[in-house]
């Protein structure tokens, strides 16, 4: 992680770059957000009181992924009713856009290893669930042909499974995987009845920090589209299931179908199994980023130690 001195230097460089692009930031309004894994973010008002978001990549690999995210954002902006960031500055060193209206449903608190909630997770407004269902139905309904024309990745259902199988093999070689978890993954991959016969444009990382809401809890926008692609629609429901359980997921899926979202017989079960495969994503990110804390997190989630040996199970 960056030291405070390095962070200060990065922020100063970001503000200088903003000025060169015609964004004269009021230094008294600057707020730094270091919770993002890929970008250092600065929130600030310009001299006219317009709030801006400035982002600087933390690693070289993020620059390439930002170029891809820009394509996804342009596609989503043209076909969705909720807001997405419109980048007015896009360079390898700085991304800048006018801050969207709304507040993140919850913000990651690294020290607490959880969220600082704007919406009470124990009392989620009905309007949030309904508007999220409508947003996802709209997103997943964007034609794959439009995504392909926009330069966005398009994976057919069989390609989704094949890619996941490749990642699982890669993770097993690099980290090791507990026998029980590995066998669960393989059963799921092999059982055709779990899987959808269609793909849809997904956000890909739909956690509370990326969902903007108004004071009544209605969804107004979505942030951070780096993982957006045409893929398995279940992807956008996994974190919701983790937060709100089977009952919450069932309610969301019912509303999603009523809003025009395409469902299939074992979609609910498939989402549960997809969440069980989440350690694969953690491990892939650990390999890509080289961050030691994510390597340790991946090992724990995979049920192995640093030598790839299976961790002992707790006696029942």
C-alpha atoms as a PDB file:
ATOM      1  CA  UNK A   1       0.000   0.000   0.000  1.00  0.00           C
ATOM      2  CA  UNK A   2       1.074   3.586  -0.531  1.00  0.00           C
ATOM      3  CA  UNK A   3       2.630   5.508   2.342  1.00  0.00           C
ATOM      4  CA  UNK A   4       1.042   8.831   3.342  1.00  0.00           C
ATOM      5  CA  UNK A   5       3.946  10.766   1.719  1.00  0.00           C
ATOM      6  CA  UNK A   6       3.524   8.922  -1.565  1.00  0.00           C
ATOM      7  CA  UNK A   7      -0.215   9.501  -1.411  1.00  0.00           C
ATOM      8  CA  UNK A   8       0.281  13.236  -0.876  1.00  0.00           C
ATOM      9  CA  UNK A   9       2.655  13.432  -3.825  1.00  0.00           C
ATOM     10  CA  UNK A  10       0.204  11.524  -6.024  1.00  0.00           C
ATOM     11  CA  UNK A  11      -2.661  13.806  -5.022  1.00  0.00           C
ATOM     12  CA  UNK A  12      -0.602  16.919  -5.784  1.00  0.00           C
ATOM     13  CA  UNK A  13       0.223  15.534  -9.221  1.00  0.00           C
ATOM     14  CA  UNK A  14      -3.466  14.726  -9.830  1.00  0.00           C
ATOM     15  CA  UNK A  15      -4.509  18.281  -8.960  1.00  0.00           C
ATOM     16  CA  UNK A  16      -1.827  19.730 -11.237  1.00  0.00           C
ATOM     17  CA  UNK A  17      -2.990  17.514 -14.090  1.00  0.00           C
ATOM     18  CA  UNK A  18      -6.598  18.529 -13.473  1.00  0.00           C
ATOM     19  CA  UNK A  19      -5.662  22.191 -13.819  1.00  0.00           C
ATOM     20  CA  UNK A  20      -3.930  21.453 -17.136  1.00  0.00           C
ATOM     21  CA  UNK A  21      -7.213  19.971 -18.350  1.00  0.00           C
ATOM     22  CA  UNK A  22      -9.206  23.024 -17.293  1.00  0.00           C
ATOM     23  CA  UNK A  23     -10.477  21.727 -13.937  1.00  0.00           C
ATOM     24  CA  UNK A  24      -9.424  24.259 -11.309  1.00  0.00           C
ATOM     25  CA  UNK A  25      -9.932  22.427  -8.034  1.00  0.00           C
ATOM     26  CA  UNK A  26     -10.605  24.251  -4.773  1.00  0.00           C
ATOM     27  CA  UNK A  27      -7.912  22.754  -2.507  1.00  0.00           C
ATOM     28  CA  UNK A  28     -10.051  23.342   0.586  1.00  0.00           C
ATOM     29  CA  UNK A  29     -12.629  20.820  -0.688  1.00  0.00           C
ATOM     30  CA  UNK A  30     -10.244  17.928  -1.437  1.00  0.00           C
ATOM     31  CA  UNK A  31     -11.119  14.582   0.139  1.00  0.00           C
ATOM     32  CA  UNK A  32      -8.989  11.484  -0.470  1.00  0.00           C
ATOM     33  CA  UNK A  33     -10.412   7.977  -0.741  1.00  0.00           C
ATOM     34  CA  UNK A  34      -7.789   5.214  -0.588  1.00  0.00           C
ATOM     35  CA  UNK A  35     -10.199   2.261  -0.316  1.00  0.00           C
ATOM     36  CA  UNK A  36     -10.074   1.438  -4.028  1.00  0.00           C
ATOM     37  CA  UNK A  37      -7.747  -1.379  -5.020  1.00  0.00           C
ATOM     38  CA  UNK A  38      -7.104  -0.122  -8.547  1.00  0.00           C
ATOM     39  CA  UNK A  39      -7.310   3.654  -8.225  1.00  0.00           C
ATOM     40  CA  UNK A  40      -6.538   6.380  -5.738  1.00  0.00           C
ATOM     41  CA  UNK A  41      -9.586   8.634  -5.775  1.00  0.00           C
ATOM     42  CA  UNK A  42      -9.903  12.314  -4.946  1.00  0.00           C
ATOM     43  CA  UNK A  43     -13.239  14.073  -4.483  1.00  0.00           C
ATOM     44  CA  UNK A  44     -13.188  17.846  -4.834  1.00  0.00           C
ATOM     45  CA  UNK A  45     -15.185  20.849  -6.022  1.00  0.00           C
ATOM     46  CA  UNK A  46     -13.975  23.162  -8.752  1.00  0.00           C
ATOM     47  CA  UNK A  47     -14.002  26.936  -8.396  1.00  0.00           C
ATOM     48  CA  UNK A  48     -17.637  27.039  -9.545  1.00  0.00           C
ATOM     49  CA  UNK A  49     -18.716  24.542  -6.882  1.00  0.00           C
ATOM     50  CA  UNK A  50     -19.075  21.604  -9.294  1.00  0.00           C
ATOM     51  CA  UNK A  51     -18.098  18.329  -7.559  1.00  0.00           C
ATOM     52  CA  UNK A  52     -15.572  16.146  -9.412  1.00  0.00           C
ATOM     53  CA  UNK A  53     -14.043  12.702  -9.053  1.00  0.00           C
ATOM     54  CA  UNK A  54     -10.358  12.366  -9.945  1.00  0.00           C
ATOM     55  CA  UNK A  55      -8.797   8.896 -10.252  1.00  0.00           C
ATOM     56  CA  UNK A  56      -5.146   7.878 -10.556  1.00  0.00           C
ATOM     57  CA  UNK A  57      -4.138   4.249 -11.328  1.00  0.00           C
ATOM     58  CA  UNK A  58      -2.283   2.410  -8.590  1.00  0.00           C
ATOM     59  CA  UNK A  59      -0.561  -0.071 -10.913  1.00  0.00           C
ATOM     60  CA  UNK A  60       0.513  -0.331 -14.548  1.00  0.00           C
ATOM     61  CA  UNK A  61      -1.990  -3.094 -15.335  1.00  0.00           C
ATOM     62  CA  UNK A  62      -4.851  -0.786 -14.361  1.00  0.00           C
ATOM     63  CA  UNK A  63      -4.135   1.574 -17.271  1.00  0.00           C
ATOM     64  CA  UNK A  64      -5.081  -1.071 -19.829  1.00  0.00           C
ATOM     65  CA  UNK A  65      -8.197  -2.100 -17.919  1.00  0.00           C
ATOM     66  CA  UNK A  66      -9.254   1.564 -17.720  1.00  0.00           C
ATOM     67  CA  UNK A  67      -9.270   1.752 -21.511  1.00  0.00           C
ATOM     68  CA  UNK A  68     -11.610  -1.204 -21.591  1.00  0.00           C
ATOM     69  CA  UNK A  69     -13.835   0.273 -18.859  1.00  0.00           C
ATOM     70  CA  UNK A  70     -14.223   3.415 -20.953  1.00  0.00           C
ATOM     71  CA  UNK A  71     -15.822   1.342 -23.745  1.00  0.00           C
ATOM     72  CA  UNK A  72     -18.215  -0.344 -21.309  1.00  0.00           C
ATOM     73  CA  UNK A  73     -19.234   3.013 -19.831  1.00  0.00           C
ATOM     74  CA  UNK A  74     -20.051   4.460 -23.238  1.00  0.00           C
ATOM     75  CA  UNK A  75     -22.230   1.451 -24.037  1.00  0.00           C
ATOM     76  CA  UNK A  76     -24.057   1.512 -20.689  1.00  0.00           C
ATOM     77  CA  UNK A  77     -24.618   5.268 -20.829  1.00  0.00           C
ATOM     78  CA  UNK A  78     -26.408   4.951 -24.155  1.00  0.00           C
ATOM     79  CA  UNK A  79     -28.805   2.209 -23.066  1.00  0.00           C
ATOM     80  CA  UNK A  80     -29.572   2.611 -19.348  1.00  0.00           C
ATOM     81  CA  UNK A  81     -31.805   4.950 -17.368  1.00  0.00           C
ATOM     82  CA  UNK A  82     -29.507   5.125 -14.315  1.00  0.00           C
ATOM     83  CA  UNK A  83     -26.359   7.256 -14.410  1.00  0.00           C
ATOM     84  CA  UNK A  84     -22.817   6.045 -15.089  1.00  0.00           C
ATOM     85  CA  UNK A  85     -19.604   8.103 -15.016  1.00  0.00           C
ATOM     86  CA  UNK A  86     -18.930  10.205 -18.118  1.00  0.00           C
ATOM     87  CA  UNK A  87     -15.162  10.629 -18.320  1.00  0.00           C
ATOM     88  CA  UNK A  88     -14.223  14.150 -19.391  1.00  0.00           C
ATOM     89  CA  UNK A  89     -10.515  13.515 -18.850  1.00  0.00           C
ATOM     90  CA  UNK A  90      -9.054  10.155 -19.782  1.00  0.00           C
ATOM     91  CA  UNK A  91      -5.258   9.778 -19.809  1.00  0.00           C
ATOM     92  CA  UNK A  92      -2.865   7.114 -18.439  1.00  0.00           C
ATOM     93  CA  UNK A  93      -2.262   9.310 -15.386  1.00  0.00           C
ATOM     94  CA  UNK A  94      -5.664  10.819 -14.686  1.00  0.00           C
ATOM     95  CA  UNK A  95      -9.351  10.098 -15.147  1.00  0.00           C
ATOM     96  CA  UNK A  96     -11.798  12.845 -14.216  1.00  0.00           C
ATOM     97  CA  UNK A  97     -15.576  13.066 -14.313  1.00  0.00           C
ATOM     98  CA  UNK A  98     -18.316  15.117 -12.720  1.00  0.00           C
ATOM     99  CA  UNK A  99     -19.540  13.377  -9.585  1.00  0.00           C
ATOM    100  CA  UNK A 100     -22.830  11.577 -10.092  1.00  0.00           C
ATOM    101  CA  UNK A 101     -25.842  12.394  -7.958  1.00  0.00           C
ATOM    102  CA  UNK A 102     -26.511   9.854  -5.241  1.00  0.00           C
ATOM    103  CA  UNK A 103     -24.625   8.193  -2.393  1.00  0.00           C
ATOM    104  CA  UNK A 104     -23.026   4.733  -2.337  1.00  0.00           C
ATOM    105  CA  UNK A 105     -25.300   2.237  -0.616  1.00  0.00           C
ATOM    106  CA  UNK A 106     -22.303   1.357   1.544  1.00  0.00           C
ATOM    107  CA  UNK A 107     -18.631   2.304   1.554  1.00  0.00           C
ATOM    108  CA  UNK A 108     -15.820  -0.172   2.220  1.00  0.00           C
ATOM    109  CA  UNK A 109     -14.126   0.388   5.566  1.00  0.00           C
ATOM    110  CA  UNK A 110     -10.733  -1.367   5.300  1.00  0.00           C
ATOM    111  CA  UNK A 111      -9.985  -1.051   9.018  1.00  0.00           C
ATOM    112  CA  UNK A 112     -13.281  -2.671  10.011  1.00  0.00           C
ATOM    113  CA  UNK A 113     -13.149  -5.206   7.140  1.00  0.00           C
ATOM    114  CA  UNK A 114     -16.726  -4.317   6.288  1.00  0.00           C
ATOM    115  CA  UNK A 115     -18.976  -1.502   5.128  1.00  0.00           C
ATOM    116  CA  UNK A 116     -19.991   1.854   6.493  1.00  0.00           C
ATOM    117  CA  UNK A 117     -23.655   1.726   5.485  1.00  0.00           C
ATOM    118  CA  UNK A 118     -25.735   4.562   4.057  1.00  0.00           C
ATOM    119  CA  UNK A 119     -28.774   2.267   3.814  1.00  0.00           C
ATOM    120  CA  UNK A 120     -29.509   0.108   6.833  1.00  0.00           C
ATOM    121  CA  UNK A 121     -28.836  -3.470   5.656  1.00  0.00           C
ATOM    122  CA  UNK A 122     -31.337  -4.731   8.238  1.00  0.00           C
ATOM    123  CA  UNK A 123     -34.090  -2.503   6.849  1.00  0.00           C
ATOM    124  CA  UNK A 124     -33.553  -2.129   3.094  1.00  0.00           C
ATOM    125  CA  UNK A 125     -36.217   0.104   1.482  1.00  0.00           C
ATOM    126  CA  UNK A 126     -38.620  -1.580  -0.894  1.00  0.00           C
ATOM    127  CA  UNK A 127     -37.759   1.058  -3.472  1.00  0.00           C
ATOM    128  CA  UNK A 128     -34.129  -0.063  -3.458  1.00  0.00           C
ATOM    129  CA  UNK A 129     -34.983  -3.672  -4.221  1.00  0.00           C
ATOM    130  CA  UNK A 130     -37.467  -2.710  -6.940  1.00  0.00           C
ATOM    131  CA  UNK A 131     -35.190  -0.172  -8.628  1.00  0.00           C
ATOM    132  CA  UNK A 132     -32.211  -2.562  -8.474  1.00  0.00           C
ATOM    133  CA  UNK A 133     -34.302  -5.297 -10.120  1.00  0.00           C
ATOM    134  CA  UNK A 134     -35.364  -2.887 -12.881  1.00  0.00           C
ATOM    135  CA  UNK A 135     -31.785  -1.657 -13.349  1.00  0.00           C
ATOM    136  CA  UNK A 136     -30.433  -5.193 -13.703  1.00  0.00           C
ATOM    137  CA  UNK A 137     -33.199  -6.224 -16.102  1.00  0.00           C
ATOM    138  CA  UNK A 138     -32.378  -3.200 -18.249  1.00  0.00           C
ATOM    139  CA  UNK A 139     -28.627  -3.846 -18.135  1.00  0.00           C
ATOM    140  CA  UNK A 140     -28.856  -7.550 -18.901  1.00  0.00           C
ATOM    141  CA  UNK A 141     -31.269  -6.820 -21.753  1.00  0.00           C
ATOM    142  CA  UNK A 142     -28.747  -4.778 -23.776  1.00  0.00           C
ATOM    143  CA  UNK A 143     -28.215  -6.661 -27.031  1.00  0.00           C
ATOM    144  CA  UNK A 144     -24.886  -8.548 -27.224  1.00  0.00           C
ATOM    145  CA  UNK A 145     -24.541  -7.284 -30.800  1.00  0.00           C
ATOM    146  CA  UNK A 146     -24.343  -3.713 -29.476  1.00  0.00           C
ATOM    147  CA  UNK A 147     -21.685  -4.753 -26.973  1.00  0.00           C
ATOM    148  CA  UNK A 148     -19.643  -6.391 -29.708  1.00  0.00           C
ATOM    149  CA  UNK A 149     -19.836  -3.245 -31.835  1.00  0.00           C
ATOM    150  CA  UNK A 150     -18.667  -1.180 -28.834  1.00  0.00           C
ATOM    151  CA  UNK A 151     -15.575  -3.337 -28.312  1.00  0.00           C
ATOM    152  CA  UNK A 152     -16.930  -4.964 -25.147  1.00  0.00           C
ATOM    153  CA  UNK A 153     -16.100  -8.610 -24.423  1.00  0.00           C
ATOM    154  CA  UNK A 154     -18.830 -11.040 -25.418  1.00  0.00           C
ATOM    155  CA  UNK A 155     -18.849 -14.559 -23.960  1.00  0.00           C
ATOM    156  CA  UNK A 156     -21.377 -17.153 -25.017  1.00  0.00           C
ATOM    157  CA  UNK A 157     -22.699 -19.441 -22.234  1.00  0.00           C
ATOM    158  CA  UNK A 158     -20.314 -22.284 -23.105  1.00  0.00           C
ATOM    159  CA  UNK A 159     -17.391 -19.834 -23.192  1.00  0.00           C
ATOM    160  CA  UNK A 160     -18.273 -18.608 -19.689  1.00  0.00           C
ATOM    161  CA  UNK A 161     -17.970 -22.136 -18.318  1.00  0.00           C
ATOM    162  CA  UNK A 162     -14.810 -22.875 -20.273  1.00  0.00           C
ATOM    163  CA  UNK A 163     -13.120 -19.693 -19.048  1.00  0.00           C
ATOM    164  CA  UNK A 164     -14.097 -20.419 -15.462  1.00  0.00           C
ATOM    165  CA  UNK A 165     -12.736 -23.961 -15.727  1.00  0.00           C
ATOM    166  CA  UNK A 166      -9.417 -22.598 -17.029  1.00  0.00           C
ATOM    167  CA  UNK A 167      -9.219 -20.127 -14.126  1.00  0.00           C
ATOM    168  CA  UNK A 168      -9.977 -22.899 -11.638  1.00  0.00           C
ATOM    169  CA  UNK A 169      -7.147 -25.027 -13.032  1.00  0.00           C
ATOM    170  CA  UNK A 170      -4.802 -22.040 -12.901  1.00  0.00           C
ATOM    171  CA  UNK A 171      -5.720 -21.300  -9.293  1.00  0.00           C
ATOM    172  CA  UNK A 172      -5.305 -24.947  -8.301  1.00  0.00           C
ATOM    173  CA  UNK A 173      -1.794 -24.999  -9.811  1.00  0.00           C
ATOM    174  CA  UNK A 174      -0.770 -21.699  -8.231  1.00  0.00           C
ATOM    175  CA  UNK A 175      -2.404 -21.912  -4.806  1.00  0.00           C
ATOM    176  CA  UNK A 176      -3.969 -25.318  -4.289  1.00  0.00           C
ATOM    177  CA  UNK A 177      -7.640 -25.859  -3.402  1.00  0.00           C
ATOM    178  CA  UNK A 178      -9.293 -27.889  -0.668  1.00  0.00           C
ATOM    179  CA  UNK A 179     -10.699 -31.171  -1.922  1.00  0.00           C
ATOM    180  CA  UNK A 180     -14.273 -30.370  -0.870  1.00  0.00           C
ATOM    181  CA  UNK A 181     -14.262 -27.003  -2.617  1.00  0.00           C
ATOM    182  CA  UNK A 182     -12.670 -28.384  -5.777  1.00  0.00           C
ATOM    183  CA  UNK A 183     -15.206 -31.208  -6.008  1.00  0.00           C
ATOM    184  CA  UNK A 184     -18.065 -28.747  -5.498  1.00  0.00           C
ATOM    185  CA  UNK A 185     -16.794 -26.592  -8.334  1.00  0.00           C
ATOM    186  CA  UNK A 186     -16.484 -29.551 -10.688  1.00  0.00           C
ATOM    187  CA  UNK A 187     -19.984 -30.846  -9.932  1.00  0.00           C
ATOM    188  CA  UNK A 188     -21.402 -27.417 -10.674  1.00  0.00           C
ATOM    189  CA  UNK A 189     -19.457 -26.997 -13.905  1.00  0.00           C
ATOM    190  CA  UNK A 190     -20.526 -30.420 -15.152  1.00  0.00           C
ATOM    191  CA  UNK A 191     -24.251 -30.085 -14.377  1.00  0.00           C
ATOM    192  CA  UNK A 192     -25.971 -28.476 -17.361  1.00  0.00           C
ATOM    193  CA  UNK A 193     -29.164 -27.839 -15.380  1.00  0.00           C
ATOM    194  CA  UNK A 194     -27.580 -25.036 -13.345  1.00  0.00           C
ATOM    195  CA  UNK A 195     -26.455 -22.959 -16.284  1.00  0.00           C
ATOM    196  CA  UNK A 196     -28.258 -20.336 -18.395  1.00  0.00           C
ATOM    197  CA  UNK A 197     -28.611 -20.762 -22.135  1.00  0.00           C
ATOM    198  CA  UNK A 198     -28.149 -17.028 -22.704  1.00  0.00           C
ATOM    199  CA  UNK A 199     -25.647 -14.296 -21.864  1.00  0.00           C
ATOM    200  CA  UNK A 200     -26.237 -10.668 -20.914  1.00  0.00           C
ATOM    201  CA  UNK A 201     -24.253  -7.504 -20.318  1.00  0.00           C
ATOM    202  CA  UNK A 202     -23.211  -7.580 -16.650  1.00  0.00           C
ATOM    203  CA  UNK A 203     -21.612  -5.023 -14.355  1.00  0.00           C
ATOM    204  CA  UNK A 204     -19.429  -7.753 -12.898  1.00  0.00           C
ATOM    205  CA  UNK A 205     -18.595  -6.237  -9.492  1.00  0.00           C
ATOM    206  CA  UNK A 206     -21.916  -5.127  -8.059  1.00  0.00           C
ATOM    207  CA  UNK A 207     -21.136  -4.531  -4.390  1.00  0.00           C
ATOM    208  CA  UNK A 208     -22.677  -1.749  -2.231  1.00  0.00           C
ATOM    209  CA  UNK A 209     -19.845   0.691  -2.896  1.00  0.00           C
ATOM    210  CA  UNK A 210     -20.665   0.688  -6.595  1.00  0.00           C
ATOM    211  CA  UNK A 211     -24.427   1.252  -6.243  1.00  0.00           C
ATOM    212  CA  UNK A 212     -25.577   4.884  -5.882  1.00  0.00           C
ATOM    213  CA  UNK A 213     -28.916   5.634  -4.254  1.00  0.00           C
ATOM    214  CA  UNK A 214     -31.043   8.684  -3.477  1.00  0.00           C
ATOM    215  CA  UNK A 215     -32.228   9.562   0.075  1.00  0.00           C
ATOM    216  CA  UNK A 216     -35.231   7.253  -0.363  1.00  0.00           C
ATOM    217  CA  UNK A 217     -32.978   4.350  -1.329  1.00  0.00           C
ATOM    218  CA  UNK A 218     -33.793   4.235  -5.045  1.00  0.00           C
ATOM    219  CA  UNK A 219     -30.883   3.255  -7.314  1.00  0.00           C
ATOM    220  CA  UNK A 220     -29.644   6.274  -9.285  1.00  0.00           C
ATOM    221  CA  UNK A 221     -26.318   5.104 -10.725  1.00  0.00           C
ATOM    222  CA  UNK A 222     -23.626   2.439 -10.937  1.00  0.00           C
ATOM    223  CA  UNK A 223     -19.865   2.990 -10.577  1.00  0.00           C
ATOM    224  CA  UNK A 224     -16.693   1.102 -11.558  1.00  0.00           C
ATOM    225  CA  UNK A 225     -17.380  -0.904 -14.712  1.00  0.00           C
ATOM    226  CA  UNK A 226     -13.942  -2.517 -15.118  1.00  0.00           C
ATOM    227  CA  UNK A 227     -15.417  -6.033 -15.024  1.00  0.00           C
ATOM    228  CA  UNK A 228     -18.313  -5.292 -17.379  1.00  0.00           C
ATOM    229  CA  UNK A 229     -18.833  -7.798 -20.201  1.00  0.00           C
ATOM    230  CA  UNK A 230     -21.490  -9.935 -21.865  1.00  0.00           C
ATOM    231  CA  UNK A 231     -21.436 -13.014 -19.677  1.00  0.00           C
ATOM    232  CA  UNK A 232     -23.461 -14.986 -17.115  1.00  0.00           C
ATOM    233  CA  UNK A 233     -26.286 -12.749 -15.745  1.00  0.00           C
ATOM    234  CA  UNK A 234     -26.011 -14.527 -12.383  1.00  0.00           C
ATOM    235  CA  UNK A 235     -22.731 -12.689 -11.800  1.00  0.00           C
ATOM    236  CA  UNK A 236     -24.574  -9.529 -10.722  1.00  0.00           C
ATOM    237  CA  UNK A 237     -26.584 -11.336  -8.021  1.00  0.00           C
ATOM    238  CA  UNK A 238     -23.827 -13.115  -6.087  1.00  0.00           C
ATOM    239  CA  UNK A 239     -22.836 -10.358  -3.672  1.00  0.00           C
ATOM    240  CA  UNK A 240     -26.495  -9.511  -3.078  1.00  0.00           C
ATOM    241  CA  UNK A 241     -27.080 -13.112  -2.005  1.00  0.00           C
ATOM    242  CA  UNK A 242     -24.107 -12.929   0.362  1.00  0.00           C
ATOM    243  CA  UNK A 243     -25.547  -9.800   1.982  1.00  0.00           C
ATOM    244  CA  UNK A 244     -29.249 -10.645   2.080  1.00  0.00           C
ATOM    245  CA  UNK A 245     -29.434 -14.435   1.961  1.00  0.00           C
ATOM    246  CA  UNK A 246     -31.810 -16.792   0.184  1.00  0.00           C
ATOM    247  CA  UNK A 247     -34.949 -14.876   1.096  1.00  0.00           C
ATOM    248  CA  UNK A 248     -33.568 -11.571  -0.123  1.00  0.00           C
ATOM    249  CA  UNK A 249     -32.317 -13.123  -3.345  1.00  0.00           C
ATOM    250  CA  UNK A 250     -35.672 -14.804  -4.030  1.00  0.00           C
ATOM    251  CA  UNK A 251     -37.448 -11.447  -3.661  1.00  0.00           C
ATOM    252  CA  UNK A 252     -34.988  -9.696  -5.987  1.00  0.00           C
ATOM    253  CA  UNK A 253     -35.240 -12.433  -8.627  1.00  0.00           C
ATOM    254  CA  UNK A 254     -39.052 -12.289  -8.575  1.00  0.00           C
ATOM    255  CA  UNK A 255     -38.972  -8.538  -9.181  1.00  0.00           C
ATOM    256  CA  UNK A 256     -36.244  -8.950 -11.802  1.00  0.00           C
ATOM    257  CA  UNK A 257     -38.415 -11.354 -13.796  1.00  0.00           C
ATOM    258  CA  UNK A 258     -41.422  -9.037 -13.500  1.00  0.00           C
ATOM    259  CA  UNK A 259     -39.250  -6.185 -14.823  1.00  0.00           C
ATOM    260  CA  UNK A 260     -38.393  -8.230 -17.920  1.00  0.00           C
ATOM    261  CA  UNK A 261     -35.253 -10.022 -16.749  1.00  0.00           C
ATOM    262  CA  UNK A 262     -34.706 -13.521 -18.164  1.00  0.00           C
ATOM    263  CA  UNK A 263     -34.609 -16.244 -15.513  1.00  0.00           C
ATOM    264  CA  UNK A 264     -34.170 -20.024 -15.720  1.00  0.00           C
ATOM    265  CA  UNK A 265     -35.280 -22.900 -13.441  1.00  0.00           C
ATOM    266  CA  UNK A 266     -32.120 -23.225 -11.331  1.00  0.00           C
ATOM    267  CA  UNK A 267     -30.993 -19.599 -11.419  1.00  0.00           C
ATOM    268  CA  UNK A 268     -31.197 -19.195  -7.630  1.00  0.00           C
ATOM    269  CA  UNK A 269     -29.124 -22.335  -7.012  1.00  0.00           C
ATOM    270  CA  UNK A 270     -26.689 -21.333  -9.736  1.00  0.00           C
ATOM    271  CA  UNK A 271     -26.092 -17.969  -8.039  1.00  0.00           C
ATOM    272  CA  UNK A 272     -25.306 -19.764  -4.767  1.00  0.00           C
ATOM    273  CA  UNK A 273     -22.791 -22.004  -6.547  1.00  0.00           C
ATOM    274  CA  UNK A 274     -21.258 -19.048  -8.348  1.00  0.00           C
ATOM    275  CA  UNK A 275     -20.650 -17.398  -4.985  1.00  0.00           C
ATOM    276  CA  UNK A 276     -18.931 -20.595  -3.799  1.00  0.00           C
ATOM    277  CA  UNK A 277     -16.506 -20.071  -6.691  1.00  0.00           C
ATOM    278  CA  UNK A 278     -15.717 -16.488  -5.602  1.00  0.00           C
ATOM    279  CA  UNK A 279     -12.301 -17.577  -4.198  1.00  0.00           C
ATOM    280  CA  UNK A 280     -11.250 -18.061  -7.829  1.00  0.00           C
ATOM    281  CA  UNK A 281     -11.724 -14.337  -8.480  1.00  0.00           C
ATOM    282  CA  UNK A 282      -9.815 -13.416  -5.320  1.00  0.00           C
ATOM    283  CA  UNK A 283      -6.903 -15.655  -6.338  1.00  0.00           C
ATOM    284  CA  UNK A 284      -6.843 -14.332  -9.923  1.00  0.00           C
ATOM    285  CA  UNK A 285      -6.754 -10.765  -8.599  1.00  0.00           C
ATOM    286  CA  UNK A 286      -3.955 -11.697  -6.171  1.00  0.00           C
ATOM    287  CA  UNK A 287      -1.867 -13.081  -9.035  1.00  0.00           C
ATOM    288  CA  UNK A 288      -2.579 -10.085 -11.243  1.00  0.00           C
ATOM    289  CA  UNK A 289      -1.936  -7.411  -8.622  1.00  0.00           C
ATOM    290  CA  UNK A 290       0.842  -9.071  -6.612  1.00  0.00           C
ATOM    291  CA  UNK A 291      -0.722  -7.782  -3.381  1.00  0.00           C
ATOM    292  CA  UNK A 292       0.366  -9.923  -0.439  1.00  0.00           C
ATOM    293  CA  UNK A 293      -2.827  -9.324   1.540  1.00  0.00           C
ATOM    294  CA  UNK A 294      -4.899 -10.704  -1.326  1.00  0.00           C
ATOM    295  CA  UNK A 295      -2.658 -13.738  -1.659  1.00  0.00           C
ATOM    296  CA  UNK A 296      -3.312 -14.496   2.008  1.00  0.00           C
ATOM    297  CA  UNK A 297      -7.024 -13.846   1.547  1.00  0.00           C
ATOM    298  CA  UNK A 298      -7.112 -16.200  -1.438  1.00  0.00           C
ATOM    299  CA  UNK A 299      -5.317 -18.977   0.450  1.00  0.00           C
ATOM    300  CA  UNK A 300      -7.788 -18.717   3.300  1.00  0.00           C
ATOM    301  CA  UNK A 301     -10.793 -18.742   0.957  1.00  0.00           C
ATOM    302  CA  UNK A 302      -9.369 -21.735  -0.926  1.00  0.00           C
ATOM    303  CA  UNK A 303      -8.781 -23.649   2.312  1.00  0.00           C
ATOM    304  CA  UNK A 304      -5.017 -24.025   1.908  1.00  0.00           C
ATOM    305  CA  UNK A 305      -1.834 -22.712   3.508  1.00  0.00           C
ATOM    306  CA  UNK A 306       1.054 -20.877   1.801  1.00  0.00           C
ATOM    307  CA  UNK A 307       2.464 -24.241   0.618  1.00  0.00           C
ATOM    308  CA  UNK A 308      -0.821 -25.226  -1.003  1.00  0.00           C
ATOM    309  CA  UNK A 309      -1.575 -27.818   1.658  1.00  0.00           C
ATOM    310  CA  UNK A 310      -5.174 -28.263   2.713  1.00  0.00           C
ATOM    311  CA  UNK A 311      -6.007 -26.665   6.038  1.00  0.00           C
ATOM    312  CA  UNK A 312      -7.313 -28.980   8.760  1.00  0.00           C
ATOM    313  CA  UNK A 313     -11.083 -28.846   9.203  1.00  0.00           C
ATOM    314  CA  UNK A 314     -12.656 -27.938  12.518  1.00  0.00           C
ATOM    315  CA  UNK A 315     -13.943 -30.999  14.412  1.00  0.00           C
ATOM    316  CA  UNK A 316     -17.745 -31.069  14.430  1.00  0.00           C
END
